[in-house]
PDB file of N, CA and C in Angstrom:
ATOM      1  N   MET A   1       0.817  -1.350   0.137  1.00  0.00           N
ATOM      2  CA  MET A   1       0.051  -0.159   0.094  1.00  0.00           C
ATOM      3  C   MET A   1       1.013   1.072   0.070  1.00  0.00           C
ATOM      4  N   LYS A   2       0.247   2.397  -0.668  1.00  0.00           N
ATOM      5  CA  LYS A   2       1.243   3.415  -0.765  1.00  0.00           C
ATOM      6  C   LYS A   2       0.053   4.445  -0.588  1.00  0.00           C
ATOM      7  N   ILE A   3       0.605   5.349  -0.011  1.00  0.00           N
ATOM      8  CA  ILE A   3      -0.057   6.437   0.382  1.00  0.00           C
ATOM      9  C   ILE A   3       0.910   8.237   0.516  1.00  0.00           C
ATOM     10  N   SER A   4       0.070   8.647  -0.204  1.00  0.00           N
ATOM     11  CA  SER A   4       1.419  10.155  -1.026  1.00  0.00           C
ATOM     12  C   SER A   4       0.192  11.058   0.007  1.00  0.00           C
ATOM     13  N   LEU A   5       0.905  12.139   1.231  1.00  0.00           N
ATOM     14  CA  LEU A   5       0.818  13.447   1.474  1.00  0.00           C
ATOM     15  C   LEU A   5       1.397  14.412   1.328  1.00  0.00           C
ATOM     16  N   LYS A   6       1.002  15.407   0.017  1.00  0.00           N
ATOM     17  CA  LYS A   6       1.852  16.523  -0.408  1.00  0.00           C
ATOM     18  C   LYS A   6       3.211  16.630  -0.259  1.00  0.00           C
ATOM     19  N   GLY A   7       3.959  16.098  -0.855  1.00  0.00           N
ATOM     20  CA  GLY A   7       5.335  16.044  -1.003  1.00  0.00           C
ATOM     21  C   GLY A   7       5.781  15.062  -0.047  1.00  0.00           C
ATOM     22  N   LEU A   8       5.354  13.852   0.486  1.00  0.00           N
ATOM     23  CA  LEU A   8       5.854  12.921   1.590  1.00  0.00           C
ATOM     24  C   LEU A   8       5.294  11.156   0.822  1.00  0.00           C
ATOM     25  N   LYS A   9       6.137  10.288   1.192  1.00  0.00           N
ATOM     26  CA  LYS A   9       5.730   9.080   0.226  1.00  0.00           C
ATOM     27  C   LYS A   9       5.668   8.128   1.394  1.00  0.00           C
ATOM     28  N   LEU A  10       4.404   7.683   2.078  1.00  0.00           N
ATOM     29  CA  LEU A  10       4.761   6.347   3.219  1.00  0.00           C
ATOM     30  C   LEU A  10       4.411   4.952   2.823  1.00  0.00           C
ATOM     31  N   ILE A  11       5.746   3.993   2.572  1.00  0.00           N
ATOM     32  CA  ILE A  11       5.309   3.027   1.804  1.00  0.00           C
ATOM     33  C   ILE A  11       5.242   1.762   3.681  1.00  0.00           C
ATOM     34  N   TRP A  12       4.298   0.716   2.970  1.00  0.00           N
ATOM     35  CA  TRP A  12       4.165  -0.345   4.195  1.00  0.00           C
ATOM     36  C   TRP A  12       5.157  -1.545   3.602  1.00  0.00           C
ATOM     37  N   PHE A  13       6.061  -1.787   3.845  1.00  0.00           N
ATOM     38  CA  PHE A  13       6.526  -3.132   3.997  1.00  0.00           C
ATOM     39  C   PHE A  13       5.944  -4.239   5.230  1.00  0.00           C
ATOM     40  N   GLY A  14       5.378  -4.756   4.741  1.00  0.00           N
ATOM     41  CA  GLY A  14       4.496  -5.766   6.299  1.00  0.00           C
ATOM     42  C   GLY A  14       3.853  -4.661   7.017  1.00  0.00           C
ATOM     43  N   SER A  15       4.680  -5.012   8.152  1.00  0.00           N
ATOM     44  CA  SER A  15       4.266  -4.177   9.403  1.00  0.00           C
ATOM     45  C   SER A  15       5.097  -3.178   9.345  1.00  0.00           C
ATOM     46  N   VAL A  16       6.245  -2.776   9.149  1.00  0.00           N
ATOM     47  CA  VAL A  16       6.759  -1.767   8.762  1.00  0.00           C
ATOM     48  C   VAL A  16       6.732  -1.030   7.999  1.00  0.00           C
ATOM     49  N   LYS A  17       6.377   0.651   8.522  1.00  0.00           N
ATOM     50  CA  LYS A  17       6.178   1.679   7.521  1.00  0.00           C
ATOM     51  C   LYS A  17       7.217   2.512   7.661  1.00  0.00           C
ATOM     52  N   VAL A  18       7.743   2.976   6.303  1.00  0.00           N
ATOM     53  CA  VAL A  18       8.805   3.835   5.935  1.00  0.00           C
ATOM     54  C   VAL A  18       8.149   5.370   5.470  1.00  0.00           C
ATOM     55  N   LEU A  19       8.639   6.348   5.927  1.00  0.00           N
ATOM     56  CA  LEU A  19       8.192   7.670   5.550  1.00  0.00           C
ATOM     57  C   LEU A  19       9.486   8.357   4.546  1.00  0.00           C
ATOM     58  N   TYR A  20       9.275   8.292   3.067  1.00  0.00           N
ATOM     59  CA  TYR A  20      10.424   9.147   2.801  1.00  0.00           C
ATOM     60  C   TYR A  20      10.085  10.409   2.294  1.00  0.00           C
ATOM     61  N   ALA A  21      10.833  11.143   3.298  1.00  0.00           N
ATOM     62  CA  ALA A  21      10.936  12.884   3.216  1.00  0.00           C
ATOM     63  C   ALA A  21      12.495  12.999   3.633  1.00  0.00           C
ATOM     64  N   GLY A  22      12.367  14.556   3.229  1.00  0.00           N
ATOM     65  CA  GLY A  22      13.873  14.432   3.767  1.00  0.00           C
ATOM     66  C   GLY A  22      13.796  15.172   5.499  1.00  0.00           C
ATOM     67  N   LYS A  23      14.703  15.372   6.101  1.00  0.00           N
ATOM     68  CA  LYS A  23      14.514  15.095   7.668  1.00  0.00           C
ATOM     69  C   LYS A  23      14.184  16.172   8.538  1.00  0.00           C
ATOM     70  N   THR A  24      14.200  17.829   7.120  1.00  0.00           N
ATOM     71  CA  THR A  24      13.868  18.849   7.206  1.00  0.00           C
ATOM     72  C   THR A  24      12.311  19.053   7.052  1.00  0.00           C
ATOM     73  N   ASN A  25      11.961  18.187   6.465  1.00  0.00           N
ATOM     74  CA  ASN A  25      10.766  18.589   5.809  1.00  0.00           C
ATOM     75  C   ASN A  25       9.089  18.915   6.925  1.00  0.00           C
ATOM     76  N   LYS A  26       8.712  19.731   7.375  1.00  0.00           N
ATOM     77  CA  LYS A  26       7.771  20.055   8.275  1.00  0.00           C
ATOM     78  C   LYS A  26       6.575  19.348   7.913  1.00  0.00           C
ATOM     79  N   ASN A  27       6.086  18.971   7.065  1.00  0.00           N
ATOM     80  CA  ASN A  27       4.867  17.680   6.495  1.00  0.00           C
ATOM     81  C   ASN A  27       5.192  16.348   6.741  1.00  0.00           C
ATOM     82  N   ALA A  28       6.694  16.075   7.210  1.00  0.00           N
ATOM     83  CA  ALA A  28       7.197  14.787   7.704  1.00  0.00           C
ATOM     84  C   ALA A  28       7.108  14.588   8.957  1.00  0.00           C
ATOM     85  N   TYR A  29       7.438  15.797   9.553  1.00  0.00           N
ATOM     86  CA  TYR A  29       7.047  15.909  11.096  1.00  0.00           C
ATOM     87  C   TYR A  29       5.557  15.850  11.450  1.00  0.00           C
ATOM     88  N   LYS A  30       4.700  16.366  10.331  1.00  0.00           N
ATOM     89  CA  LYS A  30       3.116  16.220  11.023  1.00  0.00           C
ATOM     90  C   LYS A  30       2.882  15.450  10.660  1.00  0.00           C
ATOM     91  N   ALA A  31       3.223  13.963   9.751  1.00  0.00           N
ATOM     92  CA  ALA A  31       2.706  13.180   9.860  1.00  0.00           C
ATOM     93  C   ALA A  31       3.103  11.764  11.100  1.00  0.00           C
ATOM     94  N   LEU A  32       4.672  12.297  11.170  1.00  0.00           N
ATOM     95  CA  LEU A  32       4.958  11.333  12.415  1.00  0.00           C
ATOM     96  C   LEU A  32       4.013  11.993  13.809  1.00  0.00           C
ATOM     97  N   ILE A  33       3.751  12.725  13.723  1.00  0.00           N
ATOM     98  CA  ILE A  33       3.198  12.903  14.955  1.00  0.00           C
ATOM     99  C   ILE A  33       1.402  12.732  14.695  1.00  0.00           C
ATOM    100  N   ALA A  34       1.151  12.547  14.094  1.00  0.00           N
ATOM    101  CA  ALA A  34      -0.300  12.135  13.517  1.00  0.00           C
ATOM    102  C   ALA A  34       0.210  10.368  13.448  1.00  0.00           C
ATOM    103  N   ALA A  35       0.786  10.181  13.299  1.00  0.00           N
ATOM    104  CA  ALA A  35       1.121   8.665  13.592  1.00  0.00           C
ATOM    105  C   ALA A  35       1.740   8.063  14.832  1.00  0.00           C
ATOM    106  N   GLU A  36       2.274   9.050  15.339  1.00  0.00           N
ATOM    107  CA  GLU A  36       2.481   9.035  17.014  1.00  0.00           C
ATOM    108  C   GLU A  36       1.008   8.524  17.844  1.00  0.00           C
ATOM    109  N   TYR A  37       0.202   9.363  18.002  1.00  0.00           N
ATOM    110  CA  TYR A  37      -0.984   9.856  18.264  1.00  0.00           C
ATOM    111  C   TYR A  37      -1.925   8.777  17.925  1.00  0.00           C
ATOM    112  N   SER A  38      -1.751   8.458  16.970  1.00  0.00           N
ATOM    113  CA  SER A  38      -2.633   7.148  16.054  1.00  0.00           C
ATOM    114  C   SER A  38      -2.041   5.262  16.781  1.00  0.00           C
ATOM    115  N   GLY A  39      -1.000   5.618  17.105  1.00  0.00           N
ATOM    116  CA  GLY A  39      -0.580   3.911  18.001  1.00  0.00           C
ATOM    117  C   GLY A  39       0.045   3.891  16.476  1.00  0.00           C
ATOM    118  N   VAL A  40       0.737   4.085  15.501  1.00  0.00           N
ATOM    119  CA  VAL A  40       1.355   3.598  14.004  1.00  0.00           C
ATOM    120  C   VAL A  40       2.509   3.634  14.192  1.00  0.00           C
ATOM    121  N   ASP A  41       3.326   2.817  14.026  1.00  0.00           N
ATOM    122  CA  ASP A  41       4.935   3.240  14.049  1.00  0.00           C
ATOM    123  C   ASP A  41       5.587   3.491  12.620  1.00  0.00           C
ATOM    124  N   VAL A  42       5.869   4.006  12.681  1.00  0.00           N
ATOM    125  CA  VAL A  42       6.226   5.025  11.382  1.00  0.00           C
ATOM    126  C   VAL A  42       7.647   5.116  11.136  1.00  0.00           C
ATOM    127  N   LYS A  43       8.620   5.142  10.702  1.00  0.00           N
ATOM    128  CA  LYS A  43      10.130   5.209  10.838  1.00  0.00           C
ATOM    129  C   LYS A  43      10.420   6.449   9.276  1.00  0.00           C
ATOM    130  N   LEU A  44      11.400   7.539   9.719  1.00  0.00           N
ATOM    131  CA  LEU A  44      11.899   8.076   8.729  1.00  0.00           C
ATOM    132  C   LEU A  44      12.769   7.180   7.822  1.00  0.00           C
ATOM    133  N   ALA A  45      12.504   7.589   6.437  1.00  0.00           N
ATOM    134  CA  ALA A  45      13.637   6.659   5.866  1.00  0.00           C
ATOM    135  C   ALA A  45      15.067   7.030   6.286  1.00  0.00           C
ATOM    136  N   GLU A  46      16.347   6.668   6.612  1.00  0.00           N
ATOM    137  CA  GLU A  46      17.633   7.241   6.566  1.00  0.00           C
ATOM    138  C   GLU A  46      17.991   7.734   5.323  1.00  0.00           C
ATOM    139  N   ASN A  47      18.756   8.432   5.761  1.00  0.00           N
ATOM    140  CA  ASN A  47      19.976   9.256   4.329  1.00  0.00           C
ATOM    141  C   ASN A  47      19.286   9.435   3.139  1.00  0.00           C
ATOM    142  N   PHE A  48      18.108   9.640   3.538  1.00  0.00           N
ATOM    143  CA  PHE A  48      17.174  10.514   2.328  1.00  0.00           C
ATOM    144  C   PHE A  48      16.994  11.658   1.526  1.00  0.00           C
ATOM    145  N   GLU A  49      17.515  11.845   0.103  1.00  0.00           N
ATOM    146  CA  GLU A  49      17.849  13.190   0.019  1.00  0.00           C
ATOM    147  C   GLU A  49      16.805  13.358  -1.106  1.00  0.00           C
ATOM    148  N   MET A  50      16.078  14.111  -1.079  1.00  0.00           N
ATOM    149  CA  MET A  50      15.777  14.751  -2.672  1.00  0.00           C
ATOM    150  C   MET A  50      16.216  14.729  -3.587  1.00  0.00           C
ATOM    151  N   GLY A  51      15.682  14.763  -4.462  1.00  0.00           N
ATOM    152  CA  GLY A  51      16.907  14.502  -5.756  1.00  0.00           C
ATOM    153  C   GLY A  51      17.381  13.820  -6.374  1.00  0.00           C
ATOM    154  N   VAL A  52      18.006  13.059  -5.005  1.00  0.00           N
ATOM    155  CA  VAL A  52      18.905  11.638  -5.352  1.00  0.00           C
ATOM    156  C   VAL A  52      18.389  10.708  -4.864  1.00  0.00           C
ATOM    157  N   THR A  53      17.865  10.183  -3.670  1.00  0.00           N
ATOM    158  CA  THR A  53      17.545   8.963  -3.555  1.00  0.00           C
ATOM    159  C   THR A  53      16.239   8.865  -4.320  1.00  0.00           C
ATOM    160  N   ASN A  54      15.722   9.614  -4.733  1.00  0.00           N
ATOM    161  CA  ASN A  54      14.129   8.884  -5.119  1.00  0.00           C
ATOM    162  C   ASN A  54      14.687   8.913  -6.338  1.00  0.00           C
ATOM    163  N   LYS A  55      15.941   8.917  -7.159  1.00  0.00           N
ATOM    164  CA  LYS A  55      15.957   8.213  -8.470  1.00  0.00           C
ATOM    165  C   LYS A  55      17.146   7.579  -8.819  1.00  0.00           C
ATOM    166  N   THR A  56      17.230   6.679  -7.215  1.00  0.00           N
ATOM    167  CA  THR A  56      17.826   5.221  -7.314  1.00  0.00           C
ATOM    168  C   THR A  56      17.035   4.263  -7.720  1.00  0.00           C
ATOM    169  N   PRO A  57      17.735   3.155  -8.698  1.00  0.00           N
ATOM    170  CA  PRO A  57      16.759   1.799  -8.967  1.00  0.00           C
ATOM    171  C   PRO A  57      15.441   1.900  -7.899  1.00  0.00           C
ATOM    172  N   GLU A  58      16.530   1.315  -6.633  1.00  0.00           N
ATOM    173  CA  GLU A  58      15.771   0.741  -5.565  1.00  0.00           C
ATOM    174  C   GLU A  58      14.180   1.474  -5.172  1.00  0.00           C
ATOM    175  N   PHE A  59      14.593   2.689  -5.321  1.00  0.00           N
ATOM    176  CA  PHE A  59      13.391   3.449  -4.785  1.00  0.00           C
ATOM    177  C   PHE A  59      12.082   3.484  -6.216  1.00  0.00           C
ATOM    178  N   LEU A  60      13.169   3.517  -7.437  1.00  0.00           N
ATOM    179  CA  LEU A  60      11.931   3.795  -8.944  1.00  0.00           C
ATOM    180  C   LEU A  60      11.580   1.974  -8.933  1.00  0.00           C
ATOM    181  N   LYS A  61      11.985   1.564  -8.140  1.00  0.00           N
ATOM    182  CA  LYS A  61      11.563  -0.404  -8.136  1.00  0.00           C
ATOM    183  C   LYS A  61      10.102   0.180  -7.473  1.00  0.00           C
ATOM    184  N   MET A  62      10.154   0.771  -6.380  1.00  0.00           N
ATOM    185  CA  MET A  62       8.759   0.570  -5.581  1.00  0.00           C
ATOM    186  C   MET A  62       7.679   1.983  -5.940  1.00  0.00           C
ATOM    187  N   ASN A  63       8.607   2.947  -6.741  1.00  0.00           N
ATOM    188  CA  ASN A  63       7.528   4.334  -7.264  1.00  0.00           C
ATOM    189  C   ASN A  63       8.340   4.698  -8.691  1.00  0.00           C
ATOM    190  N   PRO A  64       7.756   4.017  -9.719  1.00  0.00           N
ATOM    191  CA  PRO A  64       8.563   3.778 -10.964  1.00  0.00           C
ATOM    192  C   PRO A  64       8.613   5.594 -11.644  1.00  0.00           C
ATOM    193  N   LEU A  65       7.794   6.523 -11.157  1.00  0.00           N
ATOM    194  CA  LEU A  65       8.076   7.722 -11.732  1.00  0.00           C
ATOM    195  C   LEU A  65       8.768   8.869 -10.517  1.00  0.00           C
ATOM    196  N   GLY A  66       9.098   8.018  -9.263  1.00  0.00           N
ATOM    197  CA  GLY A  66      10.483   8.374  -8.525  1.00  0.00           C
ATOM    198  C   GLY A  66       9.844  10.037  -7.808  1.00  0.00           C
ATOM    199  N   LYS A  67       8.649  10.335  -7.985  1.00  0.00           N
ATOM    200  CA  LYS A  67       8.138  11.217  -7.355  1.00  0.00           C
ATOM    201  C   LYS A  67       7.683  10.776  -5.764  1.00  0.00           C
ATOM    202  N   VAL A  68       7.741  11.947  -5.058  1.00  0.00           N
ATOM    203  CA  VAL A  68       7.508  12.118  -3.441  1.00  0.00           C
ATOM    204  C   VAL A  68       6.918  13.432  -3.284  1.00  0.00           C
TER     205      VAL A  68
END
């Protein structure tokens, strides 16, 4: 399942939720706060860099358009 929230990409891998966004993205923090209040365990993708990470073959396999 994939959910896009205005500049964010949240991907479910089984029970693990990963949010693909930069560490300084204010909308990412809003999503993390909402997830915490809802009891959903969401992790911020490590070393995500917009324009670099979202163009890698691994990311394009998840999201062929490479958009976040």
